[in-house]
Amino acid sequence: MNPFASTVSLNMQGQYNTPNTHKYSVILPTYNERKNLPIIIWLLAKVFEEHQLAWEVIVVDDASPDGTQEVAIELARVYGEDKILLKPRAGKLGLGTAYIHGLDFCTGDFVIIMDADFSHHPKFIPQFIRLQQAHNLDIVTGTRYRSTSTPYLAEAQPGGVHGWDLKRKLVSRGANFLAATVLNPGVSDLTGSFRLYRLPVLRHIITLTQSKGYVFQMEMMVRARALGYTVGEVPITFVDRIFGESKLGADEVVGYAKGVWQLFKSV
């Protein structure tokens, strides 16, 4: 018997017949997100409250000089210190270690990872949850490159990207094509960072993941498949960040290609 089996009853359409008793912990890594943080927190709170879901947000800030931590403290006063938890670090230590740090403070049985810059809209979270519960999945990942969910979910709409120029779109498509060809991971969007995990599944995978930077998300998914975890995909609309600058540069592109090759040799 699957030790992670859900106790929530579902009808044939994947809708809830009984209340969802799970708690969802959102790990939100931040660096210079003072302007974005209030927006994303408001949207998260709205989605969770409207769907009567237990939730918390762990803000992992890497010593932002723009006042992000002060904003997080104010948000904790507004929403409650049980809902918004600021867990800062001493400096920019990387995305993977931000998740590891955040996991130490999660009290939910599911974890959502996403960007704080409004690239990932919380409105997709209920679809992630419905797909997970309908098929008892270990992981649900957002995809920009599918028109339907897998397994099928009636409400899913085609994914896409808004706000990117042609060069950025080609880089992203090329990166996913390279990884899919070399590694055959079985998912369409390896570089995305909007995902829902069972807490013990995320803990397991993240302890085995060695990559840094943009390769980190790809390695997480490749290792999940290699370990036999079940993965579903929900199409999402990715919107380029509202405030601030993108951190993707030539060094990250080269590092990604090297990371694919290293994974090919090791997995």
Protein backbone atom coordinates (compact mmCIF):
# COMPACT_ATOMS: atom_id res chain seq x y z
CA MET A 1 0.00 0.00 0.00
CA ASN A 2 1.28 3.47 -0.88
CA PRO A 3 2.28 5.16 2.43
CA PHE A 4 1.43 8.54 0.89
CA ALA A 5 -2.13 7.53 -0.11
CA SER A 6 -4.64 10.36 0.17
CA THR A 7 -7.60 10.06 2.52
CA VAL A 8 -9.67 12.64 0.66
CA SER A 9 -12.64 11.24 -1.28
CA LEU A 10 -13.03 12.34 -4.91
CA ASN A 11 -15.78 11.96 -7.44
CA MET A 12 -15.22 11.10 -11.12
CA GLN A 13 -14.49 14.74 -12.03
CA GLY A 14 -11.72 15.04 -9.42
CA GLN A 15 -13.77 17.43 -7.24
CA TYR A 16 -13.71 17.26 -3.46
CA ASN A 17 -16.47 15.18 -1.81
CA THR A 18 -14.97 15.70 1.66
CA PRO A 19 -12.96 18.62 3.05
CA ASN A 20 -9.28 18.79 2.19
CA THR A 21 -7.51 18.27 5.51
CA HIS A 22 -3.98 18.72 4.16
CA LYS A 23 -1.79 21.72 4.90
CA TYR A 24 0.22 23.41 2.16
CA SER A 25 3.56 25.06 2.89
CA VAL A 26 4.86 27.52 0.27
CA ILE A 27 8.63 28.07 0.20
CA LEU A 28 9.29 31.48 -1.32
CA PRO A 29 13.00 32.29 -1.91
CA THR A 30 13.51 36.06 -2.19
CA TYR A 31 16.22 38.52 -3.12
CA ASN A 32 15.25 42.15 -3.68
CA GLU A 33 11.52 41.39 -3.91
CA ARG A 34 10.23 44.27 -1.74
CA LYS A 35 7.74 45.42 -4.39
CA ASN A 36 6.61 41.95 -5.46
CA LEU A 37 6.25 40.29 -2.06
CA PRO A 38 3.00 42.01 -0.91
CA ILE A 39 1.32 41.15 -4.23
CA ILE A 40 2.26 37.47 -4.25
CA ILE A 41 1.37 37.03 -0.56
CA TRP A 42 -2.03 38.66 -1.09
CA LEU A 43 -2.75 36.38 -4.05
CA LEU A 44 -1.63 33.27 -2.16
CA ALA A 45 -3.78 34.13 0.84
CA LYS A 46 -6.76 34.78 -1.41
CA VAL A 47 -6.45 31.44 -3.21
CA PHE A 48 -5.97 29.39 -0.06
CA GLU A 49 -8.78 31.09 1.86
CA GLU A 50 -11.25 30.88 -1.04
CA HIS A 51 -10.62 27.13 -1.30
CA GLN A 52 -10.61 26.64 2.49
CA LEU A 53 -7.10 25.21 2.52
CA ALA A 54 -4.69 25.28 5.47
CA TRP A 55 -1.52 27.14 4.48
CA GLU A 56 1.67 28.93 5.42
CA VAL A 57 4.39 30.78 3.51
CA ILE A 58 8.05 30.46 4.45
CA VAL A 59 9.95 33.48 3.10
CA VAL A 60 13.63 32.57 2.69
CA ASP A 61 15.39 35.87 2.10
CA ASP A 62 19.07 36.04 1.20
CA ALA A 63 19.94 39.35 2.92
CA SER A 64 18.14 41.57 0.40
CA PRO A 65 19.41 45.16 0.63
CA ASP A 66 16.11 46.63 -0.63
CA GLY A 67 14.05 46.07 2.53
CA THR A 68 12.40 42.77 1.57
CA GLN A 69 12.75 41.45 5.11
CA GLU A 70 11.07 44.50 6.63
CA VAL A 71 8.14 44.01 4.23
CA ALA A 72 7.92 40.33 5.21
CA ILE A 73 7.76 41.28 8.90
CA GLU A 74 4.89 43.68 8.20
CA LEU A 75 3.06 41.02 6.19
CA ALA A 76 3.40 38.62 9.13
CA ARG A 77 1.70 41.20 11.31
CA VAL A 78 -1.14 41.52 8.79
CA TYR A 79 -1.75 37.84 8.02
CA GLY A 80 -0.44 36.30 11.23
CA GLU A 81 2.94 34.95 12.25
CA ASP A 82 1.57 31.43 11.82
CA LYS A 83 0.91 32.21 8.15
CA ILE A 84 3.96 34.25 7.11
CA LEU A 85 7.29 33.01 8.45
CA LEU A 86 10.44 34.99 7.65
CA LYS A 87 13.50 32.74 7.75
CA PRO A 88 16.41 34.84 6.46
CA ARG A 89 19.93 33.78 5.57
CA ALA A 90 23.23 35.64 5.70
CA GLY A 91 23.68 36.09 1.95
CA LYS A 92 23.01 34.73 -1.54
CA LEU A 93 23.60 31.02 -1.02
CA GLY A 94 21.70 29.50 -3.94
CA LEU A 95 18.22 28.25 -4.76
CA GLY A 96 18.72 24.64 -3.70
CA THR A 97 19.96 25.54 -0.24
CA ALA A 98 17.07 28.02 0.07
CA TYR A 99 14.63 25.14 -0.31
CA ILE A 100 16.58 23.01 2.17
CA HIS A 101 16.55 25.90 4.64
CA GLY A 102 12.82 26.45 4.14
CA LEU A 103 12.03 22.75 4.59
CA ASP A 104 13.28 22.95 8.17
CA PHE A 105 10.32 25.20 9.00
CA CYS A 106 7.51 23.57 6.99
CA THR A 107 4.61 22.23 9.05
CA GLY A 108 2.48 21.19 6.07
CA ASP A 109 2.37 17.74 4.49
CA PHE A 110 2.66 19.22 0.98
CA VAL A 111 5.17 21.82 -0.18
CA ILE A 112 4.76 24.31 -3.03
CA ILE A 113 7.83 25.93 -4.52
CA MET A 114 7.44 29.00 -6.70
CA ASP A 115 9.02 32.34 -7.59
CA ALA A 116 8.23 35.47 -5.60
CA ASP A 117 8.40 37.80 -8.61
CA PHE A 118 4.81 37.11 -9.79
CA SER A 119 6.04 34.94 -12.67
CA HIS A 120 3.96 32.12 -11.19
CA HIS A 121 0.33 32.99 -10.51
CA PRO A 122 -1.18 31.31 -7.43
CA LYS A 123 -4.45 30.79 -9.34
CA PHE A 124 -2.96 27.55 -10.71
CA ILE A 125 -2.41 26.03 -7.26
CA PRO A 126 -5.97 24.61 -6.95
CA GLN A 127 -5.44 22.79 -10.26
CA PHE A 128 -2.16 21.35 -8.94
CA ILE A 129 -3.99 20.11 -5.85
CA ARG A 130 -6.94 18.64 -7.76
CA LEU A 131 -4.65 16.77 -10.15
CA GLN A 132 -2.53 15.47 -7.28
CA GLN A 133 -5.52 14.18 -5.35
CA ALA A 134 -7.36 12.77 -8.36
CA HIS A 135 -4.37 10.59 -9.26
CA ASN A 136 -2.52 10.30 -5.92
CA LEU A 137 0.61 11.90 -7.41
CA ASP A 138 3.88 12.55 -5.62
CA ILE A 139 4.70 15.69 -7.63
CA VAL A 140 2.77 18.13 -9.81
CA THR A 141 4.80 20.54 -11.90
CA GLY A 142 3.70 23.55 -13.91
CA THR A 143 4.48 23.52 -17.62
CA ARG A 144 4.65 26.33 -20.15
CA TYR A 145 4.81 23.89 -23.05
CA ARG A 146 1.65 21.74 -22.92
CA SER A 147 -1.92 22.51 -24.00
CA THR A 148 -3.50 19.97 -21.62
CA SER A 149 -2.60 18.52 -18.25
CA THR A 150 -1.19 15.05 -17.81
CA PRO A 151 -3.04 13.12 -16.49
CA TYR A 152 -6.08 14.89 -17.93
CA LEU A 153 -7.82 17.65 -15.98
CA ALA A 154 -10.85 19.23 -17.65
CA GLU A 155 -10.29 22.78 -16.39
CA ALA A 156 -6.67 23.07 -17.56
CA GLN A 157 -5.95 25.66 -20.27
CA PRO A 158 -2.96 25.78 -22.66
CA GLY A 159 0.30 26.95 -21.12
CA GLY A 160 2.44 29.78 -22.42
CA VAL A 161 4.88 32.60 -21.75
CA HIS A 162 4.23 36.35 -21.69
CA GLY A 163 6.80 39.13 -21.57
CA TRP A 164 9.75 37.30 -23.09
CA ASP A 165 11.49 38.36 -26.29
CA LEU A 166 12.20 35.81 -29.02
CA LYS A 167 15.76 35.19 -27.79
CA ARG A 168 14.61 34.27 -24.28
CA LYS A 169 11.90 31.98 -25.65
CA LEU A 170 14.39 30.21 -27.92
CA VAL A 171 16.85 29.75 -25.05
CA SER A 172 14.16 28.20 -22.84
CA ARG A 173 12.80 25.95 -25.58
CA GLY A 174 16.30 24.91 -26.55
CA ALA A 175 17.24 24.13 -22.96
CA ASN A 176 14.20 21.90 -22.49
CA PHE A 177 14.71 20.21 -25.87
CA LEU A 178 18.35 19.47 -25.04
CA ALA A 179 17.47 17.98 -21.67
CA ALA A 180 14.51 16.01 -23.03
CA THR A 181 16.62 14.53 -25.83
CA VAL A 182 19.58 13.60 -23.64
CA LEU A 183 17.81 12.60 -20.42
CA ASN A 184 14.28 11.55 -21.49
CA PRO A 185 12.69 12.65 -18.19
CA GLY A 186 9.07 12.31 -19.31
CA VAL A 187 8.03 15.91 -18.54
CA SER A 188 7.78 18.85 -20.91
CA ASP A 189 9.16 21.70 -18.77
CA LEU A 190 12.30 20.78 -16.86
CA THR A 191 13.48 24.31 -16.13
CA GLY A 192 10.27 25.50 -14.48
CA SER A 193 10.21 26.18 -10.74
CA PHE A 194 6.48 26.08 -9.93
CA ARG A 195 5.81 22.70 -8.33
CA LEU A 196 3.83 20.83 -5.68
CA TYR A 197 5.58 18.04 -3.74
CA ARG A 198 4.65 15.68 -0.98
CA LEU A 199 6.87 16.81 1.89
CA PRO A 200 8.78 13.51 2.34
CA VAL A 201 9.26 13.21 -1.42
CA LEU A 202 10.84 16.66 -1.64
CA ARG A 203 13.05 15.89 1.35
CA HIS A 204 14.26 12.70 -0.32
CA ILE A 205 14.97 14.16 -3.75
CA ILE A 206 16.64 17.32 -2.51
CA THR A 207 19.18 15.38 -0.44
CA LEU A 208 20.38 13.67 -3.65
CA THR A 209 20.46 16.76 -5.86
CA GLN A 210 23.92 18.24 -6.43
CA SER A 211 23.46 20.89 -9.12
CA LYS A 212 23.28 24.63 -8.58
CA GLY A 213 21.63 27.49 -10.45
CA TYR A 214 19.21 26.76 -13.28
CA VAL A 215 20.27 23.11 -13.52
CA PHE A 216 18.92 22.48 -10.03
CA GLN A 217 15.25 22.29 -11.07
CA MET A 218 16.07 19.97 -13.94
CA GLU A 219 18.05 17.58 -11.77
CA MET A 220 15.22 17.48 -9.22
CA MET A 221 12.80 16.22 -11.86
CA VAL A 222 15.24 13.79 -13.46
CA ARG A 223 16.00 12.24 -10.08
CA ALA A 224 12.30 12.07 -9.19
CA ARG A 225 11.65 9.97 -12.29
CA ALA A 226 14.70 7.78 -11.64
CA LEU A 227 13.44 7.12 -8.09
CA GLY A 228 10.02 6.07 -9.39
CA TYR A 229 7.98 8.98 -8.06
CA THR A 230 4.79 9.83 -9.95
CA VAL A 231 4.67 13.21 -11.68
CA GLY A 232 1.80 15.16 -13.23
CA GLU A 233 1.88 18.37 -15.27
CA VAL A 234 -0.52 21.33 -15.26
CA PRO A 235 -0.23 23.97 -18.02
CA ILE A 236 0.55 27.42 -16.60
CA THR A 237 0.95 30.90 -18.00
CA PHE A 238 4.39 32.24 -17.10
CA VAL A 239 4.60 36.03 -16.91
CA ASP A 240 7.97 37.79 -16.85
CA ARG A 241 8.73 39.50 -13.55
CA ILE A 242 6.86 42.74 -12.77
CA PHE A 243 9.57 44.53 -10.79
CA GLY A 244 13.33 43.94 -10.94
CA GLU A 245 15.59 42.32 -13.49
CA SER A 246 15.87 38.77 -14.76
CA LYS A 247 18.90 36.90 -13.44
CA LEU A 248 19.43 34.74 -16.56
CA GLY A 249 22.71 35.43 -18.34
CA ALA A 250 25.24 33.76 -20.64
CA ASP A 251 27.00 32.07 -17.72
CA GLU A 252 23.75 30.39 -16.66
CA VAL A 253 23.13 29.12 -20.20
CA VAL A 254 26.61 27.56 -20.40
CA GLY A 255 26.23 26.15 -16.89
CA TYR A 256 22.92 24.57 -17.85
CA ALA A 257 24.43 22.78 -20.84
CA LYS A 258 27.25 21.46 -18.67
CA GLY A 259 24.72 20.34 -16.09
CA VAL A 260 22.75 18.32 -18.64
CA TRP A 261 25.94 16.53 -19.65
CA GLN A 262 26.88 15.78 -16.03
CA LEU A 263 23.41 14.37 -15.34
CA PHE A 264 23.59 12.23 -18.48
CA LYS A 265 26.78 10.64 -17.14
CA SER A 266 25.56 10.15 -13.57
CA VAL A 267 21.83 9.27 -13.67
